[in-house]
mmCIF file of all heavy atoms, coordinates in Angstrom:
data_MODEL
# 
_entry.id   MODEL 
# 
loop_
_atom_site.group_PDB 
_atom_site.id 
_atom_site.type_symbol 
_atom_site.label_atom_id 
_atom_site.label_alt_id 
_atom_site.label_comp_id 
_atom_site.label_asym_id 
_atom_site.label_entity_id 
_atom_site.label_seq_id 
_atom_site.pdbx_PDB_ins_code 
_atom_site.Cartn_x 
_atom_site.Cartn_y 
_atom_site.Cartn_z 
_atom_site.occupancy 
_atom_site.B_iso_or_equiv 
_atom_site.pdbx_formal_charge 
_atom_site.auth_seq_id 
_atom_site.auth_comp_id 
_atom_site.auth_asym_id 
_atom_site.auth_atom_id 
_atom_site.pdbx_PDB_model_num 
ATOM 1   N N   . GLU A 1 1  ? 86.560 113.913 80.050 1.00 0.00 ? 1  GLU A N   1 
ATOM 2   C CA  . GLU A 1 1  ? 86.651 115.024 79.071 1.00 0.00 ? 1  GLU A CA  1 
ATOM 3   C C   . GLU A 1 1  ? 85.578 114.932 77.954 1.00 0.00 ? 1  GLU A C   1 
ATOM 4   O O   . GLU A 1 1  ? 84.926 115.970 77.528 1.00 0.00 ? 1  GLU A O   1 
ATOM 5   C CB  . GLU A 1 1  ? 88.015 114.769 78.375 1.00 0.00 ? 1  GLU A CB  1 
ATOM 6   C CG  . GLU A 1 1  ? 88.442 116.036 77.525 1.00 0.00 ? 1  GLU A CG  1 
ATOM 7   C CD  . GLU A 1 1  ? 89.741 115.931 76.995 1.00 0.00 ? 1  GLU A CD  1 
ATOM 8   O OE1 . GLU A 1 1  ? 90.732 115.506 77.688 1.00 0.00 ? 1  GLU A OE1 1 
ATOM 9   O OE2 . GLU A 1 1  ? 89.953 116.215 75.825 1.00 0.00 ? 1  GLU A OE2 1 
ATOM 10  N N   . LEU A 1 2  ? 85.184 113.805 77.537 1.00 0.00 ? 2  LEU A N   1 
ATOM 11  C CA  . LEU A 1 2  ? 84.147 113.627 76.560 1.00 0.00 ? 2  LEU A CA  1 
ATOM 12  C C   . LEU A 1 2  ? 82.781 114.081 77.103 1.00 0.00 ? 2  LEU A C   1 
ATOM 13  O O   . LEU A 1 2  ? 82.034 114.688 76.481 1.00 0.00 ? 2  LEU A O   1 
ATOM 14  C CB  . LEU A 1 2  ? 84.033 112.079 76.075 1.00 0.00 ? 2  LEU A CB  1 
ATOM 15  C CG  . LEU A 1 2  ? 85.064 111.765 75.021 1.00 0.00 ? 2  LEU A CG  1 
ATOM 16  C CD1 . LEU A 1 2  ? 84.951 110.172 74.743 1.00 0.00 ? 2  LEU A CD1 1 
ATOM 17  C CD2 . LEU A 1 2  ? 84.897 112.441 73.711 1.00 0.00 ? 2  LEU A CD2 1 
ATOM 18  N N   . LEU A 1 3  ? 82.578 113.596 78.380 1.00 0.00 ? 3  LEU A N   1 
ATOM 19  C CA  . LEU A 1 3  ? 81.338 114.012 79.031 1.00 0.00 ? 3  LEU A CA  1 
ATOM 20  C C   . LEU A 1 3  ? 81.284 115.535 79.264 1.00 0.00 ? 3  LEU A C   1 
ATOM 21  O O   . LEU A 1 3  ? 80.102 116.056 79.161 1.00 0.00 ? 3  LEU A O   1 
ATOM 22  C CB  . LEU A 1 3  ? 81.146 113.340 80.445 1.00 0.00 ? 3  LEU A CB  1 
ATOM 23  C CG  . LEU A 1 3  ? 80.985 111.756 80.271 1.00 0.00 ? 3  LEU A CG  1 
ATOM 24  C CD1 . LEU A 1 3  ? 80.926 111.190 81.640 1.00 0.00 ? 3  LEU A CD1 1 
ATOM 25  C CD2 . LEU A 1 3  ? 79.747 111.352 79.492 1.00 0.00 ? 3  LEU A CD2 1 
ATOM 26  N N   . GLU A 1 4  ? 82.378 116.210 79.586 1.00 0.00 ? 4  GLU A N   1 
ATOM 27  C CA  . GLU A 1 4  ? 82.322 117.646 79.684 1.00 0.00 ? 4  GLU A CA  1 
ATOM 28  C C   . GLU A 1 4  ? 81.942 118.301 78.455 1.00 0.00 ? 4  GLU A C   1 
ATOM 29  O O   . GLU A 1 4  ? 81.455 119.441 78.571 1.00 0.00 ? 4  GLU A O   1 
ATOM 30  C CB  . GLU A 1 4  ? 83.790 118.085 80.194 1.00 0.00 ? 4  GLU A CB  1 
ATOM 31  C CG  . GLU A 1 4  ? 84.122 117.826 81.518 1.00 0.00 ? 4  GLU A CG  1 
ATOM 32  C CD  . GLU A 1 4  ? 85.511 118.034 82.034 1.00 0.00 ? 4  GLU A CD  1 
ATOM 33  O OE1 . GLU A 1 4  ? 86.349 118.141 81.238 1.00 0.00 ? 4  GLU A OE1 1 
ATOM 34  O OE2 . GLU A 1 4  ? 85.671 118.201 83.246 1.00 0.00 ? 4  GLU A OE2 1 
ATOM 35  N N   . GLU A 1 5  ? 82.170 117.796 77.278 1.00 0.00 ? 5  GLU A N   1 
ATOM 36  C CA  . GLU A 1 5  ? 81.735 118.324 76.020 1.00 0.00 ? 5  GLU A CA  1 
ATOM 37  C C   . GLU A 1 5  ? 80.144 118.286 76.042 1.00 0.00 ? 5  GLU A C   1 
ATOM 38  O O   . GLU A 1 5  ? 79.511 119.029 75.305 1.00 0.00 ? 5  GLU A O   1 
ATOM 39  C CB  . GLU A 1 5  ? 82.244 117.623 74.892 1.00 0.00 ? 5  GLU A CB  1 
ATOM 40  C CG  . GLU A 1 5  ? 83.780 117.826 74.685 1.00 0.00 ? 5  GLU A CG  1 
ATOM 41  C CD  . GLU A 1 5  ? 84.341 117.064 73.455 1.00 0.00 ? 5  GLU A CD  1 
ATOM 42  O OE1 . GLU A 1 5  ? 83.506 116.542 72.582 1.00 0.00 ? 5  GLU A OE1 1 
ATOM 43  O OE2 . GLU A 1 5  ? 85.592 116.983 73.425 1.00 0.00 ? 5  GLU A OE2 1 
ATOM 44  N N   . LEU A 1 6  ? 79.490 117.436 76.832 1.00 0.00 ? 6  LEU A N   1 
ATOM 45  C CA  . LEU A 1 6  ? 78.030 117.334 76.775 1.00 0.00 ? 6  LEU A CA  1 
ATOM 46  C C   . LEU A 1 6  ? 77.409 118.124 77.969 1.00 0.00 ? 6  LEU A C   1 
ATOM 47  O O   . LEU A 1 6  ? 76.165 118.332 78.029 1.00 0.00 ? 6  LEU A O   1 
ATOM 48  C CB  . LEU A 1 6  ? 77.622 115.860 76.926 1.00 0.00 ? 6  LEU A CB  1 
ATOM 49  C CG  . LEU A 1 6  ? 78.201 114.872 76.006 1.00 0.00 ? 6  LEU A CG  1 
ATOM 50  C CD1 . LEU A 1 6  ? 77.926 113.416 76.296 1.00 0.00 ? 6  LEU A CD1 1 
ATOM 51  C CD2 . LEU A 1 6  ? 77.550 115.236 74.631 1.00 0.00 ? 6  LEU A CD2 1 
ATOM 52  N N   . GLY A 1 7  ? 78.231 118.576 78.915 1.00 0.00 ? 7  GLY A N   1 
ATOM 53  C CA  . GLY A 1 7  ? 77.664 119.296 80.039 1.00 0.00 ? 7  GLY A CA  1 
ATOM 54  C C   . GLY A 1 7  ? 78.668 119.178 81.227 1.00 0.00 ? 7  GLY A C   1 
ATOM 55  O O   . GLY A 1 7  ? 79.808 118.968 81.061 1.00 0.00 ? 7  GLY A O   1 
ATOM 56  N N   . GLU A 1 8  ? 78.226 119.393 82.362 1.00 0.00 ? 8  GLU A N   1 
ATOM 57  C CA  . GLU A 1 8  ? 79.010 119.258 83.662 1.00 0.00 ? 8  GLU A CA  1 
ATOM 58  C C   . GLU A 1 8  ? 78.655 117.971 84.460 1.00 0.00 ? 8  GLU A C   1 
ATOM 59  O O   . GLU A 1 8  ? 77.648 117.916 85.048 1.00 0.00 ? 8  GLU A O   1 
ATOM 60  C CB  . GLU A 1 8  ? 78.619 120.459 84.531 1.00 0.00 ? 8  GLU A CB  1 
ATOM 61  C CG  . GLU A 1 8  ? 79.600 120.571 85.755 1.00 0.00 ? 8  GLU A CG  1 
ATOM 62  C CD  . GLU A 1 8  ? 81.065 120.654 85.436 1.00 0.00 ? 8  GLU A CD  1 
ATOM 63  O OE1 . GLU A 1 8  ? 81.421 121.255 84.427 1.00 0.00 ? 8  GLU A OE1 1 
ATOM 64  O OE2 . GLU A 1 8  ? 81.854 120.051 86.252 1.00 0.00 ? 8  GLU A OE2 1 
ATOM 65  N N   . PRO A 1 9  ? 79.545 116.936 84.242 1.00 0.00 ? 9  PRO A N   1 
ATOM 66  C CA  . PRO A 1 9  ? 79.343 115.766 85.073 1.00 0.00 ? 9  PRO A CA  1 
ATOM 67  C C   . PRO A 1 9  ? 79.402 116.070 86.475 1.00 0.00 ? 9  PRO A C   1 
ATOM 68  O O   . PRO A 1 9  ? 80.146 116.875 87.040 1.00 0.00 ? 9  PRO A O   1 
ATOM 69  C CB  . PRO A 1 9  ? 80.530 114.884 84.673 1.00 0.00 ? 9  PRO A CB  1 
ATOM 70  C CG  . PRO A 1 9  ? 81.184 115.540 83.564 1.00 0.00 ? 9  PRO A CG  1 
ATOM 71  C CD  . PRO A 1 9  ? 80.770 117.010 83.557 1.00 0.00 ? 9  PRO A CD  1 
ATOM 72  N N   . SER A 1 10 ? 78.462 115.385 87.286 1.00 0.00 ? 10 SER A N   1 
ATOM 73  C CA  . SER A 1 10 ? 78.377 115.557 88.734 1.00 0.00 ? 10 SER A CA  1 
ATOM 74  C C   . SER A 1 10 ? 79.715 115.046 89.407 1.00 0.00 ? 10 SER A C   1 
ATOM 75  O O   . SER A 1 10 ? 80.396 114.373 88.883 1.00 0.00 ? 10 SER A O   1 
ATOM 76  C CB  . SER A 1 10 ? 77.265 114.859 89.326 1.00 0.00 ? 10 SER A CB  1 
ATOM 77  O OG  . SER A 1 10 ? 77.498 113.369 89.154 1.00 0.00 ? 10 SER A OG  1 
ATOM 78  N N   . ASP A 1 11 ? 79.972 115.602 90.588 1.00 0.00 ? 11 ASP A N   1 
ATOM 79  C CA  . ASP A 1 11 ? 81.110 115.071 91.355 1.00 0.00 ? 11 ASP A CA  1 
ATOM 80  C C   . ASP A 1 11 ? 81.050 113.626 91.580 1.00 0.00 ? 11 ASP A C   1 
ATOM 81  O O   . ASP A 1 11 ? 81.959 112.899 91.593 1.00 0.00 ? 11 ASP A O   1 
ATOM 82  C CB  . ASP A 1 11 ? 81.200 115.898 92.670 1.00 0.00 ? 11 ASP A CB  1 
ATOM 83  C CG  . ASP A 1 11 ? 81.692 117.387 92.459 1.00 0.00 ? 11 ASP A CG  1 
ATOM 84  O OD1 . ASP A 1 11 ? 82.218 117.691 91.346 1.00 0.00 ? 11 ASP A OD1 1 
ATOM 85  O OD2 . ASP A 1 11 ? 81.433 118.201 93.386 1.00 0.00 ? 11 ASP A OD2 1 
ATOM 86  N N   . THR A 1 12 ? 79.782 113.147 91.824 1.00 0.00 ? 12 THR A N   1 
ATOM 87  C CA  . THR A 1 12 ? 79.697 111.677 92.130 1.00 0.00 ? 12 THR A CA  1 
ATOM 88  C C   . THR A 1 12 ? 79.954 110.906 90.981 1.00 0.00 ? 12 THR A C   1 
ATOM 89  O O   . THR A 1 12 ? 80.729 109.896 90.992 1.00 0.00 ? 12 THR A O   1 
ATOM 90  C CB  . THR A 1 12 ? 78.171 111.407 92.524 1.00 0.00 ? 12 THR A CB  1 
ATOM 91  O OG1 . THR A 1 12 ? 77.870 112.245 93.666 1.00 0.00 ? 12 THR A OG1 1 
ATOM 92  C CG2 . THR A 1 12 ? 77.937 109.901 92.941 1.00 0.00 ? 12 THR A CG2 1 
ATOM 93  N N   . LEU A 1 13 ? 79.541 111.271 89.749 1.00 0.00 ? 13 LEU A N   1 
ATOM 94  C CA  . LEU A 1 13 ? 79.844 110.667 88.411 1.00 0.00 ? 13 LEU A CA  1 
ATOM 95  C C   . LEU A 1 13 ? 81.411 110.687 88.205 1.00 0.00 ? 13 LEU A C   1 
ATOM 96  O O   . LEU A 1 13 ? 82.037 109.633 87.860 1.00 0.00 ? 13 LEU A O   1 
ATOM 97  C CB  . LEU A 1 13 ? 79.101 111.262 87.293 1.00 0.00 ? 13 LEU A CB  1 
ATOM 98  C CG  . LEU A 1 13 ? 79.377 110.516 85.936 1.00 0.00 ? 13 LEU A CG  1 
ATOM 99  C CD1 . LEU A 1 13 ? 78.959 109.136 85.953 1.00 0.00 ? 13 LEU A CD1 1 
ATOM 100 C CD2 . LEU A 1 13 ? 78.505 111.271 84.937 1.00 0.00 ? 13 LEU A CD2 1 
ATOM 101 N N   . ARG A 1 14 ? 82.014 111.816 88.403 1.00 0.00 ? 14 ARG A N   1 
ATOM 102 C CA  . ARG A 1 14 ? 83.465 111.931 88.223 1.00 0.00 ? 14 ARG A CA  1 
ATOM 103 C C   . ARG A 1 14 ? 84.202 111.003 89.073 1.00 0.00 ? 14 ARG A C   1 
ATOM 104 O O   . ARG A 1 14 ? 85.084 110.215 88.687 1.00 0.00 ? 14 ARG A O   1 
ATOM 105 C CB  . ARG A 1 14 ? 83.942 113.328 88.529 1.00 0.00 ? 14 ARG A CB  1 
ATOM 106 C CG  . ARG A 1 14 ? 83.578 114.435 87.477 1.00 0.00 ? 14 ARG A CG  1 
ATOM 107 C CD  . ARG A 1 14 ? 83.897 115.706 88.033 1.00 0.00 ? 14 ARG A CD  1 
ATOM 108 N NE  . ARG A 1 14 ? 83.423 116.833 87.136 1.00 0.00 ? 14 ARG A NE  1 
ATOM 109 C CZ  . ARG A 1 14 ? 84.132 117.349 86.188 1.00 0.00 ? 14 ARG A CZ  1 
ATOM 110 N NH1 . ARG A 1 14 ? 85.336 116.896 85.861 1.00 0.00 ? 14 ARG A NH1 1 
ATOM 111 N NH2 . ARG A 1 14 ? 83.645 118.231 85.415 1.00 0.00 ? 14 ARG A NH2 1 
ATOM 112 N N   . LYS A 1 15 ? 83.812 110.918 90.355 1.00 0.00 ? 15 LYS A N   1 
ATOM 113 C CA  . LYS A 1 15 ? 84.461 110.075 91.356 1.00 0.00 ? 15 LYS A CA  1 
ATOM 114 C C   . LYS A 1 15 ? 84.291 108.650 90.923 1.00 0.00 ? 15 LYS A C   1 
ATOM 115 O O   . LYS A 1 15 ? 85.223 107.843 91.056 1.00 0.00 ? 15 LYS A O   1 
ATOM 116 C CB  . LYS A 1 15 ? 83.751 110.347 92.751 1.00 0.00 ? 15 LYS A CB  1 
ATOM 117 C CG  . LYS A 1 15 ? 84.591 109.547 93.783 1.00 0.00 ? 15 LYS A CG  1 
ATOM 118 C CD  . LYS A 1 15 ? 83.811 109.814 95.160 1.00 0.00 ? 15 LYS A CD  1 
ATOM 119 C CE  . LYS A 1 15 ? 84.510 108.883 96.199 1.00 0.00 ? 15 LYS A CE  1 
ATOM 120 N NZ  . LYS A 1 15 ? 83.807 108.935 97.459 1.00 0.00 ? 15 LYS A NZ  1 
ATOM 121 N N   . ARG A 1 16 ? 83.050 108.273 90.571 1.00 0.00 ? 16 ARG A N   1 
ATOM 122 C CA  . ARG A 1 16 ? 82.710 106.897 90.166 1.00 0.00 ? 16 ARG A CA  1 
ATOM 123 C C   . ARG A 1 16 ? 83.654 106.356 88.985 1.00 0.00 ? 16 ARG A C   1 
ATOM 124 O O   . ARG A 1 16 ? 84.170 105.319 88.923 1.00 0.00 ? 16 ARG A O   1 
ATOM 125 C CB  . ARG A 1 16 ? 81.307 106.666 89.948 1.00 0.00 ? 16 ARG A CB  1 
ATOM 126 C CG  . ARG A 1 16 ? 80.963 105.319 89.426 1.00 0.00 ? 16 ARG A CG  1 
ATOM 127 C CD  . ARG A 1 16 ? 81.171 104.316 90.397 1.00 0.00 ? 16 ARG A CD  1 
ATOM 128 N NE  . ARG A 1 16 ? 80.984 102.947 89.841 1.00 0.00 ? 16 ARG A NE  1 
ATOM 129 C CZ  . ARG A 1 16 ? 80.426 101.958 90.319 1.00 0.00 ? 16 ARG A CZ  1 
ATOM 130 N NH1 . ARG A 1 16 ? 79.896 102.064 91.426 1.00 0.00 ? 16 ARG A NH1 1 
ATOM 131 N NH2 . ARG A 1 16 ? 80.229 100.789 89.634 1.00 0.00 ? 16 ARG A NH2 1 
ATOM 132 N N   . ILE A 1 17 ? 83.764 107.295 87.985 1.00 0.00 ? 17 ILE A N   1 
ATOM 133 C CA  . ILE A 1 17 ? 84.642 107.060 86.835 1.00 0.00 ? 17 ILE A CA  1 
ATOM 134 C C   . ILE A 1 17 ? 86.131 106.824 87.300 1.00 0.00 ? 17 ILE A C   1 
ATOM 135 O O   . ILE A 1 17 ? 86.764 105.976 86.890 1.00 0.00 ? 17 ILE A O   1 
ATOM 136 C CB  . ILE A 1 17 ? 84.520 108.129 85.805 1.00 0.00 ? 17 ILE A CB  1 
ATOM 137 C CG1 . ILE A 1 17 ? 83.002 108.088 85.153 1.00 0.00 ? 17 ILE A CG1 1 
ATOM 138 C CG2 . ILE A 1 17 ? 85.467 107.917 84.649 1.00 0.00 ? 17 ILE A CG2 1 
ATOM 139 C CD1 . ILE A 1 17 ? 82.589 109.245 84.283 1.00 0.00 ? 17 ILE A CD1 1 
ATOM 140 N N   . MET A 1 18 ? 86.507 107.793 88.054 1.00 0.00 ? 18 MET A N   1 
ATOM 141 C CA  . MET A 1 18 ? 87.988 107.757 88.482 1.00 0.00 ? 18 MET A CA  1 
ATOM 142 C C   . MET A 1 18 ? 88.270 106.606 89.471 1.00 0.00 ? 18 MET A C   1 
ATOM 143 O O   . MET A 1 18 ? 89.459 106.124 89.409 1.00 0.00 ? 18 MET A O   1 
ATOM 144 C CB  . MET A 1 18 ? 88.425 109.079 89.135 1.00 0.00 ? 18 MET A CB  1 
ATOM 145 C CG  . MET A 1 18 ? 88.417 110.306 88.321 1.00 0.00 ? 18 MET A CG  1 
ATOM 146 S SD  . MET A 1 18 ? 89.479 110.145 86.799 1.00 0.00 ? 18 MET A SD  1 
ATOM 147 C CE  . MET A 1 18 ? 91.144 110.073 87.551 1.00 0.00 ? 18 MET A CE  1 
ATOM 148 N N   . GLU A 1 19 ? 87.280 106.126 90.086 1.00 0.00 ? 19 GLU A N   1 
ATOM 149 C CA  . GLU A 1 19 ? 87.458 104.931 91.089 1.00 0.00 ? 19 GLU A CA  1 
ATOM 150 C C   . GLU A 1 19 ? 87.560 103.575 90.215 1.00 0.00 ? 19 GLU A C   1 
ATOM 151 O O   . GLU A 1 19 ? 87.977 102.605 90.731 1.00 0.00 ? 19 GLU A O   1 
ATOM 152 C CB  . GLU A 1 19 ? 86.460 104.866 92.071 1.00 0.00 ? 19 GLU A CB  1 
ATOM 153 C CG  . GLU A 1 19 ? 86.554 105.911 93.097 1.00 0.00 ? 19 GLU A CG  1 
ATOM 154 C CD  . GLU A 1 19 ? 85.499 105.958 94.242 1.00 0.00 ? 19 GLU A CD  1 
ATOM 155 O OE1 . GLU A 1 19 ? 84.365 105.363 93.891 1.00 0.00 ? 19 GLU A OE1 1 
ATOM 156 O OE2 . GLU A 1 19 ? 85.554 106.736 95.222 1.00 0.00 ? 19 GLU A OE2 1 
ATOM 157 N N   . GLN A 1 20 ? 86.900 103.580 88.950 1.00 0.00 ? 20 GLN A N   1 
ATOM 158 C CA  . GLN A 1 20 ? 86.890 102.367 88.286 1.00 0.00 ? 20 GLN A CA  1 
ATOM 159 C C   . GLN A 1 20 ? 88.278 101.927 87.866 1.00 0.00 ? 20 GLN A C   1 
ATOM 160 O O   . GLN A 1 20 ? 89.096 102.720 87.191 1.00 0.00 ? 20 GLN A O   1 
ATOM 161 C CB  . GLN A 1 20 ? 86.058 102.554 87.005 1.00 0.00 ? 20 GLN A CB  1 
ATOM 162 C CG  . GLN A 1 20 ? 85.927 101.346 86.159 1.00 0.00 ? 20 GLN A CG  1 
ATOM 163 C CD  . GLN A 1 20 ? 85.378 100.042 86.820 1.00 0.00 ? 20 GLN A CD  1 
ATOM 164 O OE1 . GLN A 1 20 ? 86.173 99.158  87.141 1.00 0.00 ? 20 GLN A OE1 1 
ATOM 165 N NE2 . GLN A 1 20 ? 84.109 100.105 87.184 1.00 0.00 ? 20 GLN A NE2 1 
ATOM 166 N N   . LYS A 1 21 ? 88.643 100.589 88.168 1.00 0.00 ? 21 LYS A N   1 
ATOM 167 C CA  . LYS A 1 21 ? 90.018 100.185 87.821 1.00 0.00 ? 21 LYS A CA  1 
ATOM 168 C C   . LYS A 1 21 ? 90.060 99.087  86.814 1.00 0.00 ? 21 LYS A C   1 
ATOM 169 O O   . LYS A 1 21 ? 91.174 98.678  86.416 1.00 0.00 ? 21 LYS A O   1 
ATOM 170 C CB  . LYS A 1 21 ? 90.740 99.713  89.114 1.00 0.00 ? 21 LYS A CB  1 
ATOM 171 C CG  . LYS A 1 21 ? 90.846 100.744 90.251 1.00 0.00 ? 21 LYS A CG  1 
ATOM 172 C CD  . LYS A 1 21 ? 91.583 102.035 89.754 1.00 0.00 ? 21 LYS A CD  1 
ATOM 173 C CE  . LYS A 1 21 ? 91.708 103.119 90.817 1.00 0.00 ? 21 LYS A CE  1 
ATOM 174 N NZ  . LYS A 1 21 ? 91.967 104.455 90.283 1.00 0.00 ? 21 LYS A NZ  1 
ATOM 175 N N   . ASP A 1 22 ? 88.926 98.685  86.353 1.00 0.00 ? 22 ASP A N   1 
ATOM 176 C CA  . ASP A 1 22 ? 88.884 97.588  85.347 1.00 0.00 ? 22 ASP A CA  1 
ATOM 177 C C   . ASP A 1 22 ? 89.068 98.289  83.962 1.00 0.00 ? 22 ASP A C   1 
ATOM 178 O O   . ASP A 1 22 ? 88.133 99.020  83.454 1.00 0.00 ? 22 ASP A O   1 
ATOM 179 C CB  . ASP A 1 22 ? 87.571 96.923  85.440 1.00 0.00 ? 22 ASP A CB  1 
ATOM 180 C CG  . ASP A 1 22 ? 87.506 95.679  84.536 1.00 0.00 ? 22 ASP A CG  1 
ATOM 181 O OD1 . ASP A 1 22 ? 87.989 95.694  83.399 1.00 0.00 ? 22 ASP A OD1 1 
ATOM 182 O OD2 . ASP A 1 22 ? 86.851 94.744  84.956 1.00 0.00 ? 22 ASP A OD2 1 
ATOM 183 N N   . ILE A 1 23 ? 90.105 97.984  83.297 1.00 0.00 ? 23 ILE A N   1 
ATOM 184 C CA  . ILE A 1 23 ? 90.430 98.623  81.972 1.00 0.00 ? 23 ILE A CA  1 
ATOM 185 C C   . ILE A 1 23 ? 89.324 98.271  80.930 1.00 0.00 ? 23 ILE A C   1 
ATOM 186 O O   . ILE A 1 23 ? 88.950 99.121  80.049 1.00 0.00 ? 23 ILE A O   1 
ATOM 187 C CB  . ILE A 1 23 ? 91.854 98.278  81.575 1.00 0.00 ? 23 ILE A CB  1 
ATOM 188 C CG1 . ILE A 1 23 ? 92.256 99.206  80.343 1.00 0.00 ? 23 ILE A CG1 1 
ATOM 189 C CG2 . ILE A 1 23 ? 91.954 96.894  81.139 1.00 0.00 ? 23 ILE A CG2 1 
ATOM 190 C CD1 . ILE A 1 23 ? 92.888 100.438 80.792 1.00 0.00 ? 23 ILE A CD1 1 
ATOM 191 N N   . LYS A 1 24 ? 88.818 97.071  81.099 1.00 0.00 ? 24 LYS A N   1 
ATOM 192 C CA  . LYS A 1 24 ? 87.783 96.712  79.972 1.00 0.00 ? 24 LYS A CA  1 
ATOM 193 C C   . LYS A 1 24 ? 86.518 97.573  80.251 1.00 0.00 ? 24 LYS A C   1 
ATOM 194 O O   . LYS A 1 24 ? 85.916 97.916  79.271 1.00 0.00 ? 24 LYS A O   1 
ATOM 195 C CB  . LYS A 1 24 ? 87.478 95.145  80.108 1.00 0.00 ? 24 LYS A CB  1 
ATOM 196 C CG  . LYS A 1 24 ? 88.623 94.327  79.624 1.00 0.00 ? 24 LYS A CG  1 
ATOM 197 C CD  . LYS A 1 24 ? 88.344 92.852  79.811 1.00 0.00 ? 24 LYS A CD  1 
ATOM 198 C CE  . LYS A 1 24 ? 89.467 92.051  79.373 1.00 0.00 ? 24 LYS A CE  1 
ATOM 199 N NZ  . LYS A 1 24 ? 89.204 90.642  79.512 1.00 0.00 ? 24 LYS A NZ  1 
ATOM 200 N N   . VAL A 1 25 ? 86.132 97.774  81.490 1.00 0.00 ? 25 VAL A N   1 
ATOM 201 C CA  . VAL A 1 25 ? 84.968 98.597  81.696 1.00 0.00 ? 25 VAL A CA  1 
ATOM 202 C C   . VAL A 1 25 ? 85.177 100.015 81.275 1.00 0.00 ? 25 VAL A C   1 
ATOM 203 O O   . VAL A 1 25 ? 84.343 100.587 80.707 1.00 0.00 ? 25 VAL A O   1 
ATOM 204 C CB  . VAL A 1 25 ? 84.592 98.523  83.285 1.00 0.00 ? 25 VAL A CB  1 
ATOM 205 C CG1 . VAL A 1 25 ? 83.575 99.568  83.607 1.00 0.00 ? 25 VAL A CG1 1 
ATOM 206 C CG2 . VAL A 1 25 ? 84.173 97.129  83.653 1.00 0.00 ? 25 VAL A CG2 1 
# 
């Protein structure tokens, strides 16, 4: 959501973010 305020995140970036499971990261 924050990145969408800056533009259109790529599908690859969205996927990478959603796949991240480490809460600290």
